[in-house]
PDB file of N, CA and C in Angstrom:
ATOM      1  N   MET A   1       0.826  -1.204   0.000  1.00  0.00           N
ATOM      2  CA  MET A   1       0.000   0.000   0.000  1.00  0.00           C
ATOM      3  C   MET A   1       0.857   1.249   0.000  1.00  0.00           C
ATOM      4  N   SER A   2       1.981   1.208   0.721  1.00  0.00           N
ATOM      5  CA  SER A   2       2.808   2.404   0.771  1.00  0.00           C
ATOM      6  C   SER A   2       3.443   2.697  -0.582  1.00  0.00           C
ATOM      7  N   ASP A   3       3.654   1.658  -1.415  1.00  0.00           N
ATOM      8  CA  ASP A   3       4.196   1.890  -2.749  1.00  0.00           C
ATOM      9  C   ASP A   3       3.220   2.697  -3.601  1.00  0.00           C
ATOM     10  N   VAL A   4       1.947   2.422  -3.450  1.00  0.00           N
ATOM     11  CA  VAL A   4       0.928   3.173  -4.188  1.00  0.00           C
ATOM     12  C   VAL A   4       0.909   4.627  -3.725  1.00  0.00           C
ATOM     13  N   LEU A   5       1.013   4.843  -2.432  1.00  0.00           N
ATOM     14  CA  LEU A   5       1.014   6.211  -1.901  1.00  0.00           C
ATOM     15  C   LEU A   5       2.237   6.992  -2.375  1.00  0.00           C
ATOM     16  N   ILE A   6       3.372   6.349  -2.382  1.00  0.00           N
ATOM     17  CA  ILE A   6       4.595   7.015  -2.838  1.00  0.00           C
ATOM     18  C   ILE A   6       4.515   7.313  -4.334  1.00  0.00           C
ATOM     19  N   ALA A   7       3.981   6.388  -5.124  1.00  0.00           N
ATOM     20  CA  ALA A   7       3.829   6.616  -6.560  1.00  0.00           C
ATOM     21  C   ALA A   7       2.873   7.775  -6.826  1.00  0.00           C
ATOM     22  N   THR A   8       1.791   7.846  -6.060  1.00  0.00           N
ATOM     23  CA  THR A   8       0.847   8.944  -6.210  1.00  0.00           C
ATOM     24  C   THR A   8       1.501  10.272  -5.842  1.00  0.00           C
ATOM     25  N   ALA A   9       2.308  10.267  -4.792  1.00  0.00           N
ATOM     26  CA  ALA A   9       3.016  11.486  -4.403  1.00  0.00           C
ATOM     27  C   ALA A   9       3.983  11.927  -5.498  1.00  0.00           C
ATOM     28  N   LEU A  10       4.642  10.973  -6.150  1.00  0.00           N
ATOM     29  CA  LEU A  10       5.548  11.324  -7.246  1.00  0.00           C
ATOM     30  C   LEU A  10       4.804  11.925  -8.431  1.00  0.00           C
ATOM     31  N   VAL A  11       3.632  11.402  -8.730  1.00  0.00           N
ATOM     32  CA  VAL A  11       2.818  11.968  -9.817  1.00  0.00           C
ATOM     33  C   VAL A  11       2.406  13.396  -9.462  1.00  0.00           C
ATOM     34  N   LEU A  12       2.035  13.608  -8.224  1.00  0.00           N
ATOM     35  CA  LEU A  12       1.670  14.959  -7.793  1.00  0.00           C
ATOM     36  C   LEU A  12       2.862  15.897  -7.851  1.00  0.00           C
ATOM     37  N   LEU A  13       4.027  15.411  -7.507  1.00  0.00           N
ATOM     38  CA  LEU A  13       5.226  16.245  -7.611  1.00  0.00           C
ATOM     39  C   LEU A  13       5.496  16.632  -9.065  1.00  0.00           C
ATOM     40  N   LEU A  14       5.231  15.728  -9.985  1.00  0.00           N
ATOM     41  CA  LEU A  14       5.386  16.064 -11.398  1.00  0.00           C
ATOM     42  C   LEU A  14       4.374  17.124 -11.832  1.00  0.00           C
ATOM     43  N   SER A  15       3.169  17.044 -11.285  1.00  0.00           N
ATOM     44  CA  SER A  15       2.163  18.055 -11.645  1.00  0.00           C
ATOM     45  C   SER A  15       2.494  19.424 -11.051  1.00  0.00           C
ATOM     46  N   MET A  16       3.316  19.429 -10.014  1.00  0.00           N
ATOM     47  CA  MET A  16       3.719  20.712  -9.429  1.00  0.00           C
ATOM     48  C   MET A  16       4.584  21.515 -10.387  1.00  0.00           C
ATOM     49  N   THR A  17       5.207  20.857 -11.344  1.00  0.00           N
ATOM     50  CA  THR A  17       6.017  21.586 -12.322  1.00  0.00           C
ATOM     51  C   THR A  17       5.152  22.508 -13.180  1.00  0.00           C
ATOM     52  N   ALA A  18       3.912  22.097 -13.441  1.00  0.00           N
ATOM     53  CA  ALA A  18       2.989  22.969 -14.181  1.00  0.00           C
ATOM     54  C   ALA A  18       2.691  24.234 -13.375  1.00  0.00           C
ATOM     55  N   GLY A  19       2.490  24.073 -12.089  1.00  0.00           N
ATOM     56  CA  GLY A  19       2.256  25.239 -11.231  1.00  0.00           C
ATOM     57  C   GLY A  19       3.478  26.134 -11.138  1.00  0.00           C
ATOM     58  N   LEU A  20       4.653  25.510 -11.072  1.00  0.00           N
ATOM     59  CA  LEU A  20       5.884  26.299 -11.017  1.00  0.00           C
ATOM     60  C   LEU A  20       6.087  27.081 -12.305  1.00  0.00           C
ATOM     61  N   ALA A  21       5.780  26.455 -13.433  1.00  0.00           N
ATOM     62  CA  ALA A  21       5.890  27.157 -14.716  1.00  0.00           C
ATOM     63  C   ALA A  21       4.922  28.332 -14.763  1.00  0.00           C
ATOM     64  N   ARG A  22       3.731  28.169 -14.220  1.00  0.00           N
ATOM     65  CA  ARG A  22       2.750  29.259 -14.225  1.00  0.00           C
ATOM     66  C   ARG A  22       3.203  30.398 -13.310  1.00  0.00           C
ATOM     67  N   VAL A  23       3.845  30.071 -12.204  1.00  0.00           N
ATOM     68  CA  VAL A  23       4.342  31.117 -11.306  1.00  0.00           C
ATOM     69  C   VAL A  23       5.444  31.923 -11.993  1.00  0.00           C
ATOM     70  N   VAL A  24       6.327  31.246 -12.709  1.00  0.00           N
ATOM     71  CA  VAL A  24       7.453  31.917 -13.350  1.00  0.00           C
ATOM     72  C   VAL A  24       7.016  32.685 -14.592  1.00  0.00           C
ATOM     73  N   VAL A  25       6.175  32.070 -15.428  1.00  0.00           N
ATOM     74  CA  VAL A  25       5.844  32.636 -16.730  1.00  0.00           C
ATOM     75  C   VAL A  25       4.538  33.419 -16.716  1.00  0.00           C
ATOM     76  N   GLY A  26       3.683  33.178 -15.749  1.00  0.00           N
ATOM     77  CA  GLY A  26       2.345  33.742 -15.730  1.00  0.00           C
ATOM     78  C   GLY A  26       2.257  35.186 -16.200  1.00  0.00           C
ATOM     79  N   PRO A  27       1.406  35.456 -17.185  1.00  0.00           N
ATOM     80  CA  PRO A  27       1.356  36.812 -17.720  1.00  0.00           C
ATOM     81  C   PRO A  27       0.743  37.837 -16.752  1.00  0.00           C
ATOM     82  N   THR A  28      -0.125  37.404 -15.865  1.00  0.00           N
ATOM     83  CA  THR A  28      -0.747  38.348 -14.929  1.00  0.00           C
ATOM     84  C   THR A  28      -0.468  37.904 -13.497  1.00  0.00           C
ATOM     85  N   PRO A  29      -0.575  38.837 -12.574  1.00  0.00           N
ATOM     86  CA  PRO A  29      -0.400  38.450 -11.165  1.00  0.00           C
ATOM     87  C   PRO A  29      -1.416  37.407 -10.695  1.00  0.00           C
ATOM     88  N   ALA A  30      -2.612  37.447 -11.250  1.00  0.00           N
ATOM     89  CA  ALA A  30      -3.622  36.448 -10.867  1.00  0.00           C
ATOM     90  C   ALA A  30      -3.191  35.048 -11.308  1.00  0.00           C
ATOM     91  N   ASP A  31      -2.589  34.938 -12.500  1.00  0.00           N
ATOM     92  CA  ASP A  31      -2.083  33.643 -12.950  1.00  0.00           C
ATOM     93  C   ASP A  31      -0.979  33.149 -12.038  1.00  0.00           C
ATOM     94  N   ARG A  32      -0.124  34.046 -11.612  1.00  0.00           N
ATOM     95  CA  ARG A  32       0.955  33.657 -10.706  1.00  0.00           C
ATOM     96  C   ARG A  32       0.404  33.190  -9.365  1.00  0.00           C
ATOM     97  N   MET A  33      -0.624  33.869  -8.881  1.00  0.00           N
ATOM     98  CA  MET A  33      -1.216  33.478  -7.606  1.00  0.00           C
ATOM     99  C   MET A  33      -1.905  32.124  -7.718  1.00  0.00           C
ATOM    100  N   MET A  34      -2.569  31.868  -8.848  1.00  0.00           N
ATOM    101  CA  MET A  34      -3.206  30.571  -9.032  1.00  0.00           C
ATOM    102  C   MET A  34      -2.163  29.456  -9.124  1.00  0.00           C
ATOM    103  N   GLY A  35      -1.025  29.742  -9.744  1.00  0.00           N
ATOM    104  CA  GLY A  35       0.064  28.766  -9.774  1.00  0.00           C
ATOM    105  C   GLY A  35       0.593  28.490  -8.384  1.00  0.00           C
ATOM    106  N   ALA A  36       0.718  29.543  -7.587  1.00  0.00           N
ATOM    107  CA  ALA A  36       1.178  29.362  -6.209  1.00  0.00           C
ATOM    108  C   ALA A  36       0.158  28.563  -5.404  1.00  0.00           C
ATOM    109  N   GLN A  37      -1.118  28.780  -5.654  1.00  0.00           N
ATOM    110  CA  GLN A  37      -2.157  28.002  -4.974  1.00  0.00           C
ATOM    111  C   GLN A  37      -2.075  26.529  -5.367  1.00  0.00           C
ATOM    112  N   LEU A  38      -1.805  26.269  -6.651  1.00  0.00           N
ATOM    113  CA  LEU A  38      -1.640  24.882  -7.098  1.00  0.00           C
ATOM    114  C   LEU A  38      -0.453  24.238  -6.400  1.00  0.00           C
ATOM    115  N   LEU A  39       0.645  24.974  -6.281  1.00  0.00           N
ATOM    116  CA  LEU A  39       1.813  24.443  -5.572  1.00  0.00           C
ATOM    117  C   LEU A  39       1.474  24.139  -4.116  1.00  0.00           C
ATOM    118  N   GLY A  40       0.759  25.050  -3.479  1.00  0.00           N
ATOM    119  CA  GLY A  40       0.410  24.848  -2.075  1.00  0.00           C
ATOM    120  C   GLY A  40      -0.521  23.667  -1.864  1.00  0.00           C
ATOM    121  N   THR A  41      -1.549  23.577  -2.688  1.00  0.00           N
ATOM    122  CA  THR A  41      -2.518  22.495  -2.543  1.00  0.00           C
ATOM    123  C   THR A  41      -1.879  21.140  -2.829  1.00  0.00           C
ATOM    124  N   THR A  42      -1.075  21.094  -3.878  1.00  0.00           N
ATOM    125  CA  THR A  42      -0.407  19.841  -4.212  1.00  0.00           C
ATOM    126  C   THR A  42       0.625  19.477  -3.155  1.00  0.00           C
ATOM    127  N   GLY A  43       1.306  20.471  -2.612  1.00  0.00           N
ATOM    128  CA  GLY A  43       2.265  20.215  -1.545  1.00  0.00           C
ATOM    129  C   GLY A  43       1.604  19.634  -0.307  1.00  0.00           C
ATOM    130  N   ILE A  44       0.418  20.133   0.001  1.00  0.00           N
ATOM    131  CA  ILE A  44      -0.336  19.603   1.139  1.00  0.00           C
ATOM    132  C   ILE A  44      -0.698  18.140   0.891  1.00  0.00           C
ATOM    133  N   ALA A  45      -1.159  17.838  -0.330  1.00  0.00           N
ATOM    134  CA  ALA A  45      -1.514  16.456  -0.665  1.00  0.00           C
ATOM    135  C   ALA A  45      -0.295  15.540  -0.587  1.00  0.00           C
ATOM    136  N   VAL A  46       0.849  16.019  -1.069  1.00  0.00           N
ATOM    137  CA  VAL A  46       2.072  15.211  -1.016  1.00  0.00           C
ATOM    138  C   VAL A  46       2.471  14.943   0.432  1.00  0.00           C
ATOM    139  N   LEU A  47       2.386  15.962   1.269  1.00  0.00           N
ATOM    140  CA  LEU A  47       2.722  15.767   2.682  1.00  0.00           C
ATOM    141  C   LEU A  47       1.808  14.744   3.346  1.00  0.00           C
ATOM    142  N   LEU A  48       0.526  14.821   3.052  1.00  0.00           N
ATOM    143  CA  LEU A  48      -0.410  13.859   3.645  1.00  0.00           C
ATOM    144  C   LEU A  48      -0.136  12.441   3.160  1.00  0.00           C
ATOM    145  N   LEU A  49       0.153  12.298   1.865  1.00  0.00           N
ATOM    146  CA  LEU A  49       0.452  10.972   1.332  1.00  0.00           C
ATOM    147  C   LEU A  49       1.743  10.409   1.922  1.00  0.00           C
ATOM    148  N   MET A  50       2.759  11.244   2.012  1.00  0.00           N
ATOM    149  CA  MET A  50       4.038  10.776   2.544  1.00  0.00           C
ATOM    150  C   MET A  50       3.934  10.459   4.039  1.00  0.00           C
ATOM    151  N   GLY A  51       3.158  11.245   4.754  1.00  0.00           N
ATOM    152  CA  GLY A  51       2.955  10.957   6.171  1.00  0.00           C
ATOM    153  C   GLY A  51       2.280   9.618   6.394  1.00  0.00           C
ATOM    154  N   ARG A  52       1.338   9.311   5.524  1.00  0.00           N
ATOM    155  CA  ARG A  52       0.649   8.029   5.628  1.00  0.00           C
ATOM    156  C   ARG A  52       1.556   6.867   5.205  1.00  0.00           C
ATOM    157  N   ALA A  53       2.339   7.095   4.128  1.00  0.00           N
ATOM    158  CA  ALA A  53       3.202   6.026   3.619  1.00  0.00           C
ATOM    159  C   ALA A  53       4.316   5.679   4.596  1.00  0.00           C
ATOM    160  N   PHE A  54       4.889   6.705   5.236  1.00  0.00           N
ATOM    161  CA  PHE A  54       6.012   6.465   6.141  1.00  0.00           C
ATOM    162  C   PHE A  54       5.594   6.425   7.603  1.00  0.00           C
ATOM    163  N   GLU A  55       4.290   6.432   7.841  1.00  0.00           N
ATOM    164  CA  GLU A  55       3.728   6.373   9.196  1.00  0.00           C
ATOM    165  C   GLU A  55       4.314   7.460  10.092  1.00  0.00           C
ATOM    166  N   MET A  56       4.252   8.691   9.600  1.00  0.00           N
ATOM    167  CA  MET A  56       4.716   9.860  10.344  1.00  0.00           C
ATOM    168  C   MET A  56       3.546  10.833  10.495  1.00  0.00           C
ATOM    169  N   PRO A  57       2.771  10.717  11.558  1.00  0.00           N
ATOM    170  CA  PRO A  57       1.587  11.570  11.713  1.00  0.00           C
ATOM    171  C   PRO A  57       1.918  13.051  11.859  1.00  0.00           C
ATOM    172  N   ALA A  58       3.161  13.379  12.168  1.00  0.00           N
ATOM    173  CA  ALA A  58       3.539  14.788  12.297  1.00  0.00           C
ATOM    174  C   ALA A  58       3.437  15.518  10.962  1.00  0.00           C
ATOM    175  N   LEU A  59       3.563  14.801   9.854  1.00  0.00           N
ATOM    176  CA  LEU A  59       3.439  15.448   8.553  1.00  0.00           C
ATOM    177  C   LEU A  59       2.022  15.957   8.299  1.00  0.00           C
ATOM    178  N   ALA A  60       1.030  15.343   8.925  1.00  0.00           N
ATOM    179  CA  ALA A  60      -0.338  15.846   8.810  1.00  0.00           C
ATOM    180  C   ALA A  60      -0.450  17.210   9.484  1.00  0.00           C
ATOM    181  N   ASP A  61       0.247  17.397  10.589  1.00  0.00           N
ATOM    182  CA  ASP A  61       0.252  18.703  11.256  1.00  0.00           C
ATOM    183  C   ASP A  61       0.913  19.766  10.388  1.00  0.00           C
ATOM    184  N   VAL A  62       1.992  19.397   9.742  1.00  0.00           N
ATOM    185  CA  VAL A  62       2.679  20.330   8.838  1.00  0.00           C
ATOM    186  C   VAL A  62       1.761  20.692   7.673  1.00  0.00           C
ATOM    187  N   ALA A  63       1.035  19.712   7.151  1.00  0.00           N
ATOM    188  CA  ALA A  63       0.105  19.966   6.049  1.00  0.00           C
ATOM    189  C   ALA A  63      -1.004  20.919   6.485  1.00  0.00           C
ATOM    190  N   LEU A  64      -1.493  20.774   7.708  1.00  0.00           N
ATOM    191  CA  LEU A  64      -2.523  21.683   8.212  1.00  0.00           C
ATOM    192  C   LEU A  64      -1.997  23.118   8.335  1.00  0.00           C
ATOM    193  N   ILE A  65      -0.764  23.269   8.781  1.00  0.00           N
ATOM    194  CA  ILE A  65      -0.160  24.600   8.876  1.00  0.00           C
ATOM    195  C   ILE A  65      -0.040  25.216   7.485  1.00  0.00           C
ATOM    196  N   PHE A  66       0.396  24.414   6.505  1.00  0.00           N
ATOM    197  CA  PHE A  66       0.487  24.919   5.131  1.00  0.00           C
ATOM    198  C   PHE A  66      -0.879  25.327   4.595  1.00  0.00           C
ATOM    199  N   ALA A  67      -1.916  24.579   4.942  1.00  0.00           N
ATOM    200  CA  ALA A  67      -3.266  24.921   4.489  1.00  0.00           C
ATOM    201  C   ALA A  67      -3.712  26.263   5.068  1.00  0.00           C
ATOM    202  N   LEU A  68      -3.409  26.491   6.335  1.00  0.00           N
ATOM    203  CA  LEU A  68      -3.752  27.778   6.945  1.00  0.00           C
ATOM    204  C   LEU A  68      -2.983  28.922   6.305  1.00  0.00           C
ATOM    205  N   LEU A  69      -1.704  28.708   6.045  1.00  0.00           N
ATOM    206  CA  LEU A  69      -0.904  29.746   5.400  1.00  0.00           C
ATOM    207  C   LEU A  69      -1.385  30.028   3.984  1.00  0.00           C
ATOM    208  N   ALA A  70      -1.833  29.019   3.270  1.00  0.00           N
ATOM    209  CA  ALA A  70      -2.349  29.214   1.915  1.00  0.00           C
ATOM    210  C   ALA A  70      -3.623  30.055   1.940  1.00  0.00           C
ATOM    211  N   ALA A  71      -4.478  29.819   2.913  1.00  0.00           N
ATOM    212  CA  ALA A  71      -5.704  30.613   3.023  1.00  0.00           C
ATOM    213  C   ALA A  71      -5.388  32.073   3.321  1.00  0.00           C
ATOM    214  N   VAL A  72      -4.417  32.305   4.174  1.00  0.00           N
ATOM    215  CA  VAL A  72      -4.014  33.679   4.491  1.00  0.00           C
ATOM    216  C   VAL A  72      -3.406  34.352   3.268  1.00  0.00           C
ATOM    217  N   ALA A  73      -2.616  33.627   2.506  1.00  0.00           N
ATOM    218  CA  ALA A  73      -1.990  34.199   1.307  1.00  0.00           C
ATOM    219  C   ALA A  73      -3.031  34.602   0.278  1.00  0.00           C
ATOM    220  N   VAL A  74      -4.054  33.782   0.082  1.00  0.00           N
ATOM    221  CA  VAL A  74      -5.101  34.123  -0.883  1.00  0.00           C
ATOM    222  C   VAL A  74      -5.877  35.345  -0.431  1.00  0.00           C
ATOM    223  N   SER A  75      -6.205  35.405   0.836  1.00  0.00           N
ATOM    224  CA  SER A  75      -6.956  36.567   1.316  1.00  0.00           C
ATOM    225  C   SER A  75      -6.116  37.839   1.239  1.00  0.00           C
ATOM    226  N   ALA A  76      -4.828  37.741   1.500  1.00  0.00           N
ATOM    227  CA  ALA A  76      -3.960  38.913   1.387  1.00  0.00           C
ATOM    228  C   ALA A  76      -3.838  39.358  -0.069  1.00  0.00           C
ATOM    229  N   PHE A  77      -3.698  38.417  -0.989  1.00  0.00           N
ATOM    230  CA  PHE A  77      -3.613  38.760  -2.404  1.00  0.00           C
ATOM    231  C   PHE A  77      -4.900  39.412  -2.877  1.00  0.00           C
ATOM    232  N   THR A  78      -6.037  38.841  -2.487  1.00  0.00           N
ATOM    233  CA  THR A  78      -7.318  39.396  -2.895  1.00  0.00           C
ATOM    234  C   THR A  78      -7.515  40.784  -2.326  1.00  0.00           C
ATOM    235  N   ARG A  79      -7.144  40.971  -1.085  1.00  0.00           N
ATOM    236  CA  ARG A  79      -7.277  42.285  -0.448  1.00  0.00           C
ATOM    237  C   ARG A  79      -6.408  43.312  -1.159  1.00  0.00           C
ATOM    238  N   ARG A  80      -5.199  42.909  -1.509  1.00  0.00           N
ATOM    239  CA  ARG A  80      -4.280  43.823  -2.186  1.00  0.00           C
ATOM    240  C   ARG A  80      -4.818  44.200  -3.563  1.00  0.00           C
ATOM    241  N   ARG A  81      -5.387  43.240  -4.280  1.00  0.00           N
ATOM    242  CA  ARG A  81      -5.924  43.515  -5.608  1.00  0.00           C
ATOM    243  C   ARG A  81      -7.157  44.407  -5.530  1.00  0.00           C
ATOM    244  N   LEU A  82      -7.972  44.249  -4.490  1.00  0.00           N
ATOM    245  CA  LEU A  82      -9.174  45.066  -4.367  1.00  0.00           C
ATOM    246  C   LEU A  82      -8.856  46.490  -3.932  1.00  0.00           C
ATOM    247  N   ASP A  83      -7.757  46.683  -3.198  1.00  0.00           N
ATOM    248  CA  ASP A  83      -7.380  48.007  -2.740  1.00  0.00           C
ATOM    249  C   ASP A  83      -6.790  48.870  -3.855  1.00  0.00           C
ATOM    250  N   ARG A  84      -6.261  48.221  -4.875  1.00  0.00           N
ATOM    251  CA  ARG A  84      -5.675  48.949  -5.997  1.00  0.00           C
ATOM    252  C   ARG A  84      -6.770  49.547  -6.870  1.00  0.00           C
ATOM    253  N   GLU A  85      -6.364  50.550  -7.620  1.00  0.00           N
ATOM    254  CA  GLU A  85      -7.301  51.092  -8.605  1.00  0.00           C
ATOM    255  C   GLU A  85      -7.423  50.113  -9.765  1.00  0.00           C
ATOM    256  N   PRO A  86      -8.562  50.056 -10.408  1.00  0.00           N
ATOM    257  CA  PRO A  86      -8.717  49.121 -11.530  1.00  0.00           C
ATOM    258  C   PRO A  86      -7.759  49.461 -12.666  1.00  0.00           C
ATOM    259  N   ASP A  87      -7.234  48.432 -13.321  1.00  0.00           N
ATOM    260  CA  ASP A  87      -6.337  48.629 -14.456  1.00  0.00           C
ATOM    261  C   ASP A  87      -7.123  49.135 -15.650  1.00  0.00           C
ATOM    262  N   GLU A  88      -6.506  50.023 -16.395  1.00  0.00           N
ATOM    263  CA  GLU A  88      -7.205  50.557 -17.566  1.00  0.00           C
ATOM    264  C   GLU A  88      -6.654  49.984 -18.829  1.00  0.00           C
TER     265      GLU A  88
END
């Protein structure tokens, strides 16, 4: 069972490259933020899978902290975008 979890985590790590490319190349700040959200969400999933595969419950706590930080980052980005004047 742990082999399946590790393989799934590796597939998710490969999908993180798409998010990293969007963060680097993204034409707008919103695209970059969505790429960062993809990295965060996938990172949380990888941590949960690895914690289960290696029987390390502390990784679930780390994943929860990352989830809270991701929520704060999105709200800060949204607040910053709303405070700015609209682009013309």
